[in-house]
Amino acid sequence: MQVTVKGKNTDVSDKLRAHAERKLAKVQRFDDRILTMDVEFSEERNPRVADAHRVEVTLTTKSRLVRAHASAPDPTAAVDRVIDRLKSQIKKLKTRRVDRTQHAEGTKSLAPLLDEPQGGGQPVGPAIVRFKRIEMKPMTPEEAIERMDLLSHDFFLFSNAETEQANVVYRRRSGDYGLIEPET
């Protein structure tokens, strides 16, 4: 990981530079995808500002930029504050990345939908996290195929105008379309 330390309106001493590099190197423990780290020290010269020393850190990872800034009465305290903010942002991004990969892997082996209740009661199942209600207007299978192509999905649930029942149009591997109708 490449660390660049610079000062804006202030000089960065070697001691402060070493302290910042040593502390910020620990951030890489949380995400090994960090490529570069830019640290900028600045000082507000207004005597009414209590936290005059400001530290801005920009991390460049393989997928995105992570930025954090903090102010404190002295620059070492500002470095400690910005590290806490960076840690929380990196952990949040990493859990999102892990959640998405686990979710994708979870579709290969589906758990049973309902578990047996312990000690009687309601069956325990997965929680519904998103529920969307759409208006299904009756349409022909040809209209459903057009709608499916517009949405770029592999299947489309619709209400058949002729039978007034729910049907599914799906795209086959060969590129043709299939229609699933309920038995009457």
N, C-alpha and C. Protein backbone atom coordinates (compact mmCIF):
# COMPACT_ATOMS: atom_id res chain seq x y z
N MET A 1 0.85 -1.17 0.00
CA MET A 1 0.00 0.00 0.00
C MET A 1 0.90 1.24 0.00
N GLN A 2 0.57 2.17 -0.86
CA GLN A 2 1.32 3.40 -0.98
C GLN A 2 0.64 4.49 -0.16
N VAL A 3 1.40 5.13 0.75
CA VAL A 3 0.86 6.19 1.60
C VAL A 3 1.51 7.50 1.21
N THR A 4 0.69 8.51 0.89
CA THR A 4 1.17 9.84 0.55
C THR A 4 0.69 10.81 1.62
N VAL A 5 1.64 11.50 2.26
CA VAL A 5 1.30 12.45 3.31
C VAL A 5 1.73 13.83 2.84
N LYS A 6 0.80 14.80 2.90
CA LYS A 6 1.13 16.17 2.50
C LYS A 6 0.42 17.15 3.42
N GLY A 7 0.87 18.39 3.39
CA GLY A 7 0.30 19.43 4.23
C GLY A 7 -0.27 20.54 3.39
N LYS A 8 -1.36 21.11 3.84
CA LYS A 8 -1.99 22.24 3.17
C LYS A 8 -2.04 23.37 4.20
N ASN A 9 -1.37 24.47 3.92
CA ASN A 9 -1.24 25.61 4.83
C ASN A 9 -0.47 25.28 6.10
N THR A 10 0.25 24.18 6.10
CA THR A 10 1.03 23.78 7.27
C THR A 10 2.16 22.86 6.84
N ASP A 11 3.18 22.79 7.68
CA ASP A 11 4.28 21.86 7.44
C ASP A 11 4.02 20.59 8.25
N VAL A 12 4.32 19.44 7.64
CA VAL A 12 4.15 18.16 8.32
C VAL A 12 5.52 17.70 8.78
N SER A 13 5.70 17.59 10.09
CA SER A 13 6.99 17.15 10.63
C SER A 13 7.19 15.67 10.36
N ASP A 14 8.44 15.25 10.44
CA ASP A 14 8.75 13.84 10.21
C ASP A 14 8.12 12.95 11.28
N LYS A 15 8.07 13.46 12.51
CA LYS A 15 7.46 12.70 13.60
C LYS A 15 5.97 12.49 13.35
N LEU A 16 5.27 13.56 12.91
CA LEU A 16 3.84 13.45 12.62
C LEU A 16 3.60 12.55 11.41
N ARG A 17 4.46 12.65 10.39
CA ARG A 17 4.35 11.81 9.20
C ARG A 17 4.50 10.33 9.58
N ALA A 18 5.49 10.02 10.42
CA ALA A 18 5.71 8.63 10.84
C ALA A 18 4.54 8.12 11.68
N HIS A 19 4.03 8.99 12.56
CA HIS A 19 2.88 8.60 13.39
C HIS A 19 1.66 8.29 12.51
N ALA A 20 1.40 9.15 11.53
CA ALA A 20 0.24 8.95 10.65
C ALA A 20 0.41 7.68 9.82
N GLU A 21 1.59 7.45 9.27
CA GLU A 21 1.81 6.24 8.45
C GLU A 21 1.67 4.98 9.29
N ARG A 22 2.21 5.02 10.54
CA ARG A 22 2.14 3.84 11.41
C ARG A 22 0.68 3.53 11.79
N LYS A 23 -0.07 4.57 12.15
CA LYS A 23 -1.46 4.36 12.55
C LYS A 23 -2.34 3.95 11.37
N LEU A 24 -2.15 4.59 10.22
CA LEU A 24 -2.99 4.31 9.07
C LEU A 24 -2.65 2.98 8.41
N ALA A 25 -1.46 2.45 8.65
CA ALA A 25 -1.12 1.14 8.10
C ALA A 25 -1.98 0.05 8.74
N LYS A 26 -2.47 0.30 9.95
CA LYS A 26 -3.32 -0.68 10.63
C LYS A 26 -4.70 -0.80 9.99
N VAL A 27 -5.08 0.21 9.21
CA VAL A 27 -6.39 0.18 8.55
C VAL A 27 -6.44 -0.93 7.51
N GLN A 28 -5.28 -1.29 6.97
CA GLN A 28 -5.24 -2.32 5.94
C GLN A 28 -5.65 -3.69 6.48
N ARG A 29 -5.63 -3.87 7.80
CA ARG A 29 -6.09 -5.13 8.38
C ARG A 29 -7.56 -5.38 8.07
N PHE A 30 -8.32 -4.31 7.94
CA PHE A 30 -9.75 -4.44 7.73
C PHE A 30 -10.12 -4.74 6.29
N ASP A 31 -9.29 -4.30 5.34
CA ASP A 31 -9.55 -4.58 3.93
C ASP A 31 -8.22 -4.65 3.20
N ASP A 32 -7.92 -5.79 2.61
CA ASP A 32 -6.65 -5.97 1.93
C ASP A 32 -6.69 -5.45 0.49
N ARG A 33 -7.80 -4.88 0.08
CA ARG A 33 -7.95 -4.37 -1.28
C ARG A 33 -7.54 -2.91 -1.42
N ILE A 34 -6.99 -2.31 -0.37
CA ILE A 34 -6.58 -0.91 -0.41
C ILE A 34 -5.29 -0.80 -1.22
N LEU A 35 -5.32 0.08 -2.22
CA LEU A 35 -4.14 0.26 -3.08
C LEU A 35 -3.30 1.46 -2.63
N THR A 36 -3.93 2.62 -2.48
CA THR A 36 -3.21 3.83 -2.07
C THR A 36 -3.98 4.56 -0.99
N MET A 37 -3.22 5.38 -0.25
CA MET A 37 -3.83 6.17 0.82
C MET A 37 -3.21 7.56 0.76
N ASP A 38 -4.05 8.58 0.58
CA ASP A 38 -3.60 9.97 0.53
C ASP A 38 -4.05 10.66 1.82
N VAL A 39 -3.10 11.23 2.55
CA VAL A 39 -3.38 11.90 3.82
C VAL A 39 -3.01 13.37 3.65
N GLU A 40 -3.94 14.25 4.00
CA GLU A 40 -3.69 15.69 3.88
C GLU A 40 -3.97 16.36 5.22
N PHE A 41 -2.94 17.01 5.75
CA PHE A 41 -3.06 17.78 6.98
C PHE A 41 -3.31 19.23 6.62
N SER A 42 -4.19 19.89 7.35
CA SER A 42 -4.41 21.32 7.16
C SER A 42 -4.67 21.94 8.53
N GLU A 43 -4.43 23.23 8.60
CA GLU A 43 -4.61 23.94 9.87
C GLU A 43 -5.42 25.20 9.62
N GLU A 44 -6.46 25.37 10.41
CA GLU A 44 -7.30 26.57 10.35
C GLU A 44 -6.65 27.63 11.23
N ARG A 45 -6.38 28.77 10.67
CA ARG A 45 -5.65 29.81 11.40
C ARG A 45 -6.57 30.81 12.10
N ASN A 46 -7.82 30.46 12.24
CA ASN A 46 -8.77 31.32 12.93
C ASN A 46 -8.72 30.98 14.43
N PRO A 47 -8.47 31.96 15.31
CA PRO A 47 -8.38 31.64 16.74
C PRO A 47 -9.71 31.24 17.37
N ARG A 48 -10.83 31.50 16.72
CA ARG A 48 -12.13 31.12 17.27
C ARG A 48 -12.47 29.66 17.02
N VAL A 49 -11.75 29.01 16.12
CA VAL A 49 -12.00 27.60 15.83
C VAL A 49 -11.24 26.76 16.84
N ALA A 50 -11.96 25.95 17.61
CA ALA A 50 -11.34 25.14 18.65
C ALA A 50 -10.54 23.98 18.06
N ASP A 51 -11.13 23.27 17.10
CA ASP A 51 -10.46 22.14 16.47
C ASP A 51 -9.81 22.62 15.18
N ALA A 52 -8.62 23.18 15.33
CA ALA A 52 -7.98 23.85 14.20
C ALA A 52 -7.25 22.89 13.26
N HIS A 53 -6.88 21.71 13.73
CA HIS A 53 -6.12 20.78 12.90
C HIS A 53 -7.09 19.78 12.25
N ARG A 54 -6.99 19.68 10.93
CA ARG A 54 -7.90 18.83 10.18
C ARG A 54 -7.08 17.82 9.38
N VAL A 55 -7.56 16.58 9.35
CA VAL A 55 -6.91 15.51 8.59
C VAL A 55 -7.94 14.93 7.64
N GLU A 56 -7.58 14.86 6.36
CA GLU A 56 -8.44 14.24 5.35
C GLU A 56 -7.69 13.04 4.78
N VAL A 57 -8.37 11.90 4.70
CA VAL A 57 -7.77 10.68 4.18
C VAL A 57 -8.64 10.17 3.04
N THR A 58 -7.99 9.84 1.93
CA THR A 58 -8.67 9.25 0.78
C THR A 58 -8.03 7.90 0.49
N LEU A 59 -8.81 6.84 0.60
CA LEU A 59 -8.34 5.50 0.30
C LEU A 59 -8.81 5.11 -1.09
N THR A 60 -7.92 4.56 -1.88
CA THR A 60 -8.28 4.05 -3.20
C THR A 60 -8.24 2.54 -3.12
N THR A 61 -9.38 1.90 -3.34
CA THR A 61 -9.45 0.45 -3.33
C THR A 61 -9.64 -0.03 -4.76
N LYS A 62 -9.75 -1.34 -4.92
CA LYS A 62 -9.94 -1.90 -6.24
C LYS A 62 -11.27 -1.51 -6.85
N SER A 63 -12.25 -1.21 -6.00
CA SER A 63 -13.58 -0.95 -6.53
C SER A 63 -14.07 0.49 -6.32
N ARG A 64 -13.56 1.21 -5.32
CA ARG A 64 -14.11 2.53 -5.03
C ARG A 64 -13.16 3.37 -4.20
N LEU A 65 -13.57 4.62 -3.96
CA LEU A 65 -12.85 5.54 -3.09
C LEU A 65 -13.56 5.61 -1.75
N VAL A 66 -12.77 5.71 -0.69
CA VAL A 66 -13.32 5.90 0.65
C VAL A 66 -12.67 7.15 1.21
N ARG A 67 -13.49 8.10 1.65
CA ARG A 67 -12.97 9.36 2.17
C ARG A 67 -13.47 9.58 3.59
N ALA A 68 -12.58 10.16 4.42
CA ALA A 68 -12.96 10.51 5.78
C ALA A 68 -12.15 11.72 6.20
N HIS A 69 -12.71 12.53 7.06
CA HIS A 69 -11.98 13.68 7.60
C HIS A 69 -12.37 13.85 9.05
N ALA A 70 -11.45 14.47 9.81
CA ALA A 70 -11.70 14.72 11.22
C ALA A 70 -10.90 15.94 11.63
N SER A 71 -11.40 16.64 12.65
CA SER A 71 -10.73 17.82 13.20
C SER A 71 -10.52 17.61 14.69
N ALA A 72 -9.42 18.18 15.20
CA ALA A 72 -9.10 18.07 16.62
C ALA A 72 -8.17 19.22 17.00
N PRO A 73 -7.97 19.44 18.30
CA PRO A 73 -7.06 20.51 18.73
C PRO A 73 -5.61 20.27 18.32
N ASP A 74 -5.18 19.01 18.21
CA ASP A 74 -3.83 18.72 17.75
C ASP A 74 -3.89 17.66 16.65
N PRO A 75 -2.87 17.61 15.78
CA PRO A 75 -2.94 16.72 14.62
C PRO A 75 -2.95 15.22 14.96
N THR A 76 -2.30 14.81 16.04
CA THR A 76 -2.29 13.37 16.38
C THR A 76 -3.69 12.92 16.80
N ALA A 77 -4.42 13.76 17.52
CA ALA A 77 -5.79 13.41 17.90
C ALA A 77 -6.69 13.36 16.66
N ALA A 78 -6.43 14.25 15.70
CA ALA A 78 -7.21 14.24 14.45
C ALA A 78 -6.96 12.95 13.68
N VAL A 79 -5.71 12.46 13.70
CA VAL A 79 -5.40 11.19 13.02
C VAL A 79 -6.17 10.05 13.68
N ASP A 80 -6.21 10.03 15.01
CA ASP A 80 -6.95 8.97 15.72
C ASP A 80 -8.43 9.02 15.39
N ARG A 81 -9.00 10.21 15.31
CA ARG A 81 -10.44 10.33 14.99
C ARG A 81 -10.73 9.88 13.56
N VAL A 82 -9.85 10.24 12.63
CA VAL A 82 -10.10 9.87 11.24
C VAL A 82 -9.94 8.36 11.06
N ILE A 83 -9.08 7.73 11.83
CA ILE A 83 -8.92 6.27 11.75
C ILE A 83 -10.19 5.58 12.20
N ASP A 84 -10.82 6.07 13.27
CA ASP A 84 -12.09 5.47 13.71
C ASP A 84 -13.15 5.57 12.62
N ARG A 85 -13.22 6.70 11.96
CA ARG A 85 -14.21 6.86 10.88
C ARG A 85 -13.90 5.96 9.70
N LEU A 86 -12.62 5.84 9.35
CA LEU A 86 -12.24 4.96 8.24
C LEU A 86 -12.56 3.50 8.55
N LYS A 87 -12.29 3.09 9.77
CA LYS A 87 -12.57 1.70 10.16
C LYS A 87 -14.05 1.38 10.00
N SER A 88 -14.90 2.29 10.47
CA SER A 88 -16.33 2.01 10.37
C SER A 88 -16.79 1.98 8.92
N GLN A 89 -16.27 2.88 8.07
CA GLN A 89 -16.66 2.87 6.66
C GLN A 89 -16.18 1.60 5.96
N ILE A 90 -14.95 1.20 6.23
CA ILE A 90 -14.39 0.01 5.57
C ILE A 90 -15.13 -1.24 6.02
N LYS A 91 -15.42 -1.34 7.31
CA LYS A 91 -16.17 -2.50 7.80
C LYS A 91 -17.55 -2.56 7.16
N LYS A 92 -18.20 -1.41 7.02
CA LYS A 92 -19.53 -1.36 6.41
C LYS A 92 -19.47 -1.83 4.96
N LEU A 93 -18.49 -1.33 4.20
CA LEU A 93 -18.35 -1.75 2.81
C LEU A 93 -18.01 -3.22 2.69
N LYS A 94 -17.17 -3.71 3.57
CA LYS A 94 -16.77 -5.11 3.51
C LYS A 94 -17.94 -6.03 3.86
N THR A 95 -18.76 -5.65 4.84
CA THR A 95 -19.91 -6.49 5.16
C THR A 95 -20.91 -6.49 4.02
N ARG A 96 -21.05 -5.37 3.31
CA ARG A 96 -21.93 -5.36 2.13
C ARG A 96 -21.41 -6.33 1.08
N ARG A 97 -20.09 -6.30 0.86
CA ARG A 97 -19.50 -7.18 -0.13
C ARG A 97 -19.67 -8.63 0.28
N VAL A 98 -19.46 -8.94 1.55
CA VAL A 98 -19.59 -10.31 2.03
C VAL A 98 -21.05 -10.75 1.97
N ASP A 99 -21.98 -9.87 2.36
CA ASP A 99 -23.40 -10.21 2.33
C ASP A 99 -23.84 -10.54 0.91
N ARG A 100 -23.38 -9.77 -0.05
CA ARG A 100 -23.78 -10.03 -1.43
C ARG A 100 -23.23 -11.35 -1.93
N THR A 101 -21.98 -11.67 -1.59
CA THR A 101 -21.43 -12.94 -2.06
C THR A 101 -22.09 -14.10 -1.35
N GLN A 102 -22.39 -13.96 -0.07
CA GLN A 102 -23.07 -15.04 0.64
C GLN A 102 -24.49 -15.21 0.11
N HIS A 103 -25.13 -14.10 -0.23
CA HIS A 103 -26.49 -14.19 -0.78
C HIS A 103 -26.46 -14.92 -2.12
N ALA A 104 -25.47 -14.63 -2.93
CA ALA A 104 -25.37 -15.29 -4.24
C ALA A 104 -25.07 -16.76 -4.07
N GLU A 105 -24.23 -17.11 -3.11
CA GLU A 105 -23.91 -18.52 -2.88
C GLU A 105 -25.10 -19.24 -2.26
N GLY A 106 -25.91 -18.52 -1.51
CA GLY A 106 -27.04 -19.15 -0.83
C GLY A 106 -28.11 -19.66 -1.77
N THR A 107 -28.15 -19.20 -3.00
CA THR A 107 -29.17 -19.65 -3.92
C THR A 107 -28.88 -21.05 -4.45
N LYS A 108 -27.65 -21.51 -4.27
CA LYS A 108 -27.31 -22.84 -4.77
C LYS A 108 -27.96 -23.93 -3.91
N SER A 109 -27.98 -23.72 -2.61
CA SER A 109 -28.60 -24.70 -1.73
C SER A 109 -29.62 -23.96 -0.87
N LEU A 110 -30.88 -24.15 -1.16
CA LEU A 110 -31.93 -23.45 -0.44
C LEU A 110 -32.28 -24.19 0.84
N ALA A 111 -32.41 -23.47 1.92
CA ALA A 111 -32.82 -24.03 3.20
C ALA A 111 -34.32 -24.31 3.15
N PRO A 112 -34.81 -25.20 4.00
CA PRO A 112 -36.25 -25.41 4.03
C PRO A 112 -36.97 -24.11 4.41
N LEU A 113 -38.11 -23.88 3.78
CA LEU A 113 -38.80 -22.62 3.99
C LEU A 113 -39.37 -22.49 5.39
N LEU A 114 -39.91 -23.55 5.94
CA LEU A 114 -40.50 -23.47 7.26
C LEU A 114 -39.83 -24.47 8.19
N ASP A 115 -39.36 -24.01 9.33
CA ASP A 115 -38.80 -24.89 10.34
C ASP A 115 -39.91 -25.26 11.31
N GLU A 116 -39.73 -26.38 11.94
CA GLU A 116 -40.71 -26.80 12.92
C GLU A 116 -40.62 -25.90 14.15
N PRO A 117 -41.75 -25.47 14.69
CA PRO A 117 -41.71 -24.61 15.86
C PRO A 117 -41.19 -25.36 17.08
N GLN A 118 -40.51 -24.66 17.96
CA GLN A 118 -40.01 -25.25 19.18
C GLN A 118 -41.01 -24.99 20.29
N GLY A 119 -41.54 -26.01 20.86
CA GLY A 119 -42.49 -25.86 21.96
C GLY A 119 -43.86 -25.38 21.52
N GLY A 120 -44.25 -25.67 20.29
CA GLY A 120 -45.55 -25.25 19.80
C GLY A 120 -45.55 -23.78 19.39
N GLY A 121 -46.51 -23.40 18.62
CA GLY A 121 -46.59 -22.02 18.17
C GLY A 121 -46.54 -21.92 16.67
N GLN A 122 -46.27 -20.75 16.18
CA GLN A 122 -46.23 -20.49 14.75
C GLN A 122 -44.95 -21.06 14.14
N PRO A 123 -45.02 -21.58 12.91
CA PRO A 123 -43.81 -22.04 12.25
C PRO A 123 -42.86 -20.86 12.00
N VAL A 124 -41.57 -21.14 12.12
CA VAL A 124 -40.56 -20.11 11.93
C VAL A 124 -40.02 -20.24 10.52
N GLY A 125 -39.98 -19.15 9.77
CA GLY A 125 -39.49 -19.19 8.40
C GLY A 125 -38.67 -17.95 8.11
N PRO A 126 -38.22 -17.82 6.88
CA PRO A 126 -37.43 -16.64 6.52
C PRO A 126 -38.30 -15.39 6.56
N ALA A 127 -37.68 -14.29 6.91
CA ALA A 127 -38.40 -13.02 6.99
C ALA A 127 -38.54 -12.42 5.60
N ILE A 128 -39.68 -11.84 5.33
CA ILE A 128 -39.89 -11.15 4.06
C ILE A 128 -39.30 -9.76 4.22
N VAL A 129 -38.29 -9.45 3.42
CA VAL A 129 -37.63 -8.17 3.55
C VAL A 129 -38.11 -7.15 2.53
N ARG A 130 -38.74 -7.61 1.45
CA ARG A 130 -39.25 -6.68 0.45
C ARG A 130 -40.52 -7.25 -0.13
N PHE A 131 -41.55 -6.44 -0.16
CA PHE A 131 -42.82 -6.87 -0.71
C PHE A 131 -43.27 -5.81 -1.69
N LYS A 132 -43.57 -6.19 -2.90
CA LYS A 132 -43.95 -5.23 -3.92
C LYS A 132 -45.27 -5.67 -4.53
N ARG A 133 -46.22 -4.77 -4.54
CA ARG A 133 -47.53 -5.04 -5.12
C ARG A 133 -47.61 -4.32 -6.45
N ILE A 134 -47.91 -5.06 -7.50
CA ILE A 134 -48.03 -4.44 -8.82
C ILE A 134 -49.42 -4.73 -9.38
N GLU A 135 -49.86 -3.87 -10.23
CA GLU A 135 -51.15 -4.05 -10.87
C GLU A 135 -50.96 -4.94 -12.09
N MET A 136 -51.65 -6.06 -12.11
CA MET A 136 -51.53 -6.97 -13.24
C MET A 136 -52.73 -6.77 -14.14
N LYS A 137 -52.51 -6.13 -15.26
CA LYS A 137 -53.60 -5.99 -16.20
C LYS A 137 -53.58 -7.21 -17.13
N PRO A 138 -54.72 -7.70 -17.53
CA PRO A 138 -54.74 -8.86 -18.41
C PRO A 138 -54.05 -8.55 -19.74
N MET A 139 -53.26 -9.51 -20.23
CA MET A 139 -52.57 -9.34 -21.51
C MET A 139 -52.40 -10.71 -22.17
N THR A 140 -52.11 -10.67 -23.42
CA THR A 140 -51.90 -11.91 -24.16
C THR A 140 -50.45 -12.37 -23.94
N PRO A 141 -50.15 -13.64 -24.22
CA PRO A 141 -48.76 -14.10 -24.07
C PRO A 141 -47.77 -13.31 -24.93
N GLU A 142 -48.21 -12.84 -26.11
CA GLU A 142 -47.30 -12.06 -26.96
C GLU A 142 -46.94 -10.73 -26.29
N GLU A 143 -47.94 -10.08 -25.66
CA GLU A 143 -47.66 -8.84 -24.94
C GLU A 143 -46.74 -9.10 -23.76
N ALA A 144 -46.93 -10.23 -23.11
CA ALA A 144 -46.07 -10.59 -21.97
C ALA A 144 -44.63 -10.79 -22.42
N ILE A 145 -44.42 -11.38 -23.60
CA ILE A 145 -43.06 -11.57 -24.12
C ILE A 145 -42.41 -10.21 -24.39
N GLU A 146 -43.17 -9.28 -24.95
CA GLU A 146 -42.64 -7.94 -25.20
C GLU A 146 -42.25 -7.27 -23.88
N ARG A 147 -43.11 -7.38 -22.87
CA ARG A 147 -42.84 -6.78 -21.56
C ARG A 147 -41.62 -7.43 -20.92
N MET A 148 -41.47 -8.75 -21.05
CA MET A 148 -40.34 -9.47 -20.49
C MET A 148 -39.04 -9.00 -21.13
N ASP A 149 -39.07 -8.77 -22.46
CA ASP A 149 -37.87 -8.31 -23.15
C ASP A 149 -37.51 -6.89 -22.74
N LEU A 150 -38.52 -6.05 -22.49
CA LEU A 150 -38.25 -4.68 -22.04
C LEU A 150 -37.61 -4.67 -20.66
N LEU A 151 -38.05 -5.57 -19.80
CA LEU A 151 -37.53 -5.64 -18.43
C LEU A 151 -36.21 -6.40 -18.36
N SER A 152 -35.85 -7.09 -19.44
CA SER A 152 -34.65 -7.94 -19.54
C SER A 152 -34.60 -8.98 -18.42
N HIS A 153 -35.73 -9.63 -18.17
CA HIS A 153 -35.81 -10.74 -17.23
C HIS A 153 -35.91 -12.04 -18.01
N ASP A 154 -35.70 -13.15 -17.31
CA ASP A 154 -35.82 -14.46 -17.94
C ASP A 154 -37.22 -15.05 -17.79
N PHE A 155 -38.06 -14.43 -16.96
CA PHE A 155 -39.44 -14.89 -16.82
C PHE A 155 -40.33 -13.71 -16.51
N PHE A 156 -41.62 -13.88 -16.74
CA PHE A 156 -42.57 -12.80 -16.50
C PHE A 156 -43.90 -13.41 -16.10
N LEU A 157 -44.43 -12.99 -14.95
CA LEU A 157 -45.73 -13.44 -14.45
C LEU A 157 -46.78 -12.45 -14.92
N PHE A 158 -47.87 -12.97 -15.51
CA PHE A 158 -48.90 -12.06 -15.99
C PHE A 158 -50.26 -12.74 -15.88
N SER A 159 -51.32 -11.93 -16.00
CA SER A 159 -52.68 -12.43 -16.00
C SER A 159 -53.11 -12.58 -17.46
N ASN A 160 -53.41 -13.82 -17.86
CA ASN A 160 -53.78 -14.10 -19.24
C ASN A 160 -55.16 -13.49 -19.54
N ALA A 161 -55.25 -12.73 -20.62
CA ALA A 161 -56.50 -12.05 -20.97
C ALA A 161 -57.57 -13.04 -21.40
N GLU A 162 -57.17 -14.17 -21.98
CA GLU A 162 -58.15 -15.15 -22.48
C GLU A 162 -58.71 -16.01 -21.35
N THR A 163 -57.83 -16.50 -20.47
CA THR A 163 -58.28 -17.42 -19.41
C THR A 163 -58.46 -16.74 -18.07
N GLU A 164 -57.96 -15.49 -17.91
CA GLU A 164 -58.02 -14.72 -16.67
C GLU A 164 -57.36 -15.45 -15.50
N GLN A 165 -56.30 -16.19 -15.79
CA GLN A 165 -55.53 -16.88 -14.76
C GLN A 165 -54.08 -16.41 -14.84
N ALA A 166 -53.36 -16.62 -13.76
CA ALA A 166 -51.95 -16.24 -13.73
C ALA A 166 -51.13 -17.22 -14.55
N ASN A 167 -50.31 -16.71 -15.45
CA ASN A 167 -49.43 -17.51 -16.29
C ASN A 167 -48.01 -16.98 -16.19
N VAL A 168 -47.04 -17.78 -16.62
CA VAL A 168 -45.64 -17.38 -16.63
C VAL A 168 -45.07 -17.63 -18.02
N VAL A 169 -44.44 -16.60 -18.59
CA VAL A 169 -43.70 -16.75 -19.83
C VAL A 169 -42.23 -16.78 -19.44
N TYR A 170 -41.47 -17.74 -19.96
CA TYR A 170 -40.05 -17.82 -19.62
C TYR A 170 -39.21 -18.01 -20.88
N ARG A 171 -37.96 -17.57 -20.80
CA ARG A 171 -37.03 -17.70 -21.92
C ARG A 171 -36.25 -19.00 -21.75
N ARG A 172 -36.24 -19.80 -22.81
CA ARG A 172 -35.55 -21.08 -22.79
C ARG A 172 -34.10 -20.89 -23.19
N ARG A 173 -33.27 -21.88 -22.91
CA ARG A 173 -31.85 -21.78 -23.25
C ARG A 173 -31.63 -21.63 -24.75
N SER A 174 -32.51 -22.21 -25.54
CA SER A 174 -32.36 -22.13 -26.99
C SER A 174 -32.73 -20.75 -27.54
N GLY A 175 -33.30 -19.87 -26.68
CA GLY A 175 -33.71 -18.55 -27.12
C GLY A 175 -35.19 -18.46 -27.40
N ASP A 176 -35.88 -19.61 -27.44
CA ASP A 176 -37.32 -19.63 -27.62
C ASP A 176 -38.00 -19.27 -26.30
N TYR A 177 -39.32 -19.20 -26.32
CA TYR A 177 -40.09 -18.87 -25.13
C TYR A 177 -40.98 -20.04 -24.76
N GLY A 178 -41.22 -20.19 -23.45
CA GLY A 178 -42.13 -21.20 -22.96
C GLY A 178 -43.25 -20.54 -22.18
N LEU A 179 -44.38 -21.22 -22.07
CA LEU A 179 -45.54 -20.68 -21.36
C LEU A 179 -45.99 -21.70 -20.33
N ILE A 180 -46.14 -21.29 -19.10
CA ILE A 180 -46.63 -22.15 -18.03
C ILE A 180 -48.02 -21.68 -17.70
N GLU A 181 -49.01 -22.61 -17.87
CA GLU A 181 -50.40 -22.30 -17.56
C GLU A 181 -50.88 -23.24 -16.48
N PRO A 182 -51.75 -22.79 -15.60
CA PRO A 182 -52.32 -23.71 -14.60
C PRO A 182 -53.30 -24.67 -15.26
N GLU A 183 -53.43 -25.85 -14.65
CA GLU A 183 -54.38 -26.82 -15.19
C GLU A 183 -55.80 -26.35 -14.91
N THR A 184 -56.69 -26.60 -15.85
CA THR A 184 -58.09 -26.20 -15.65
C THR A 184 -58.96 -27.41 -15.45
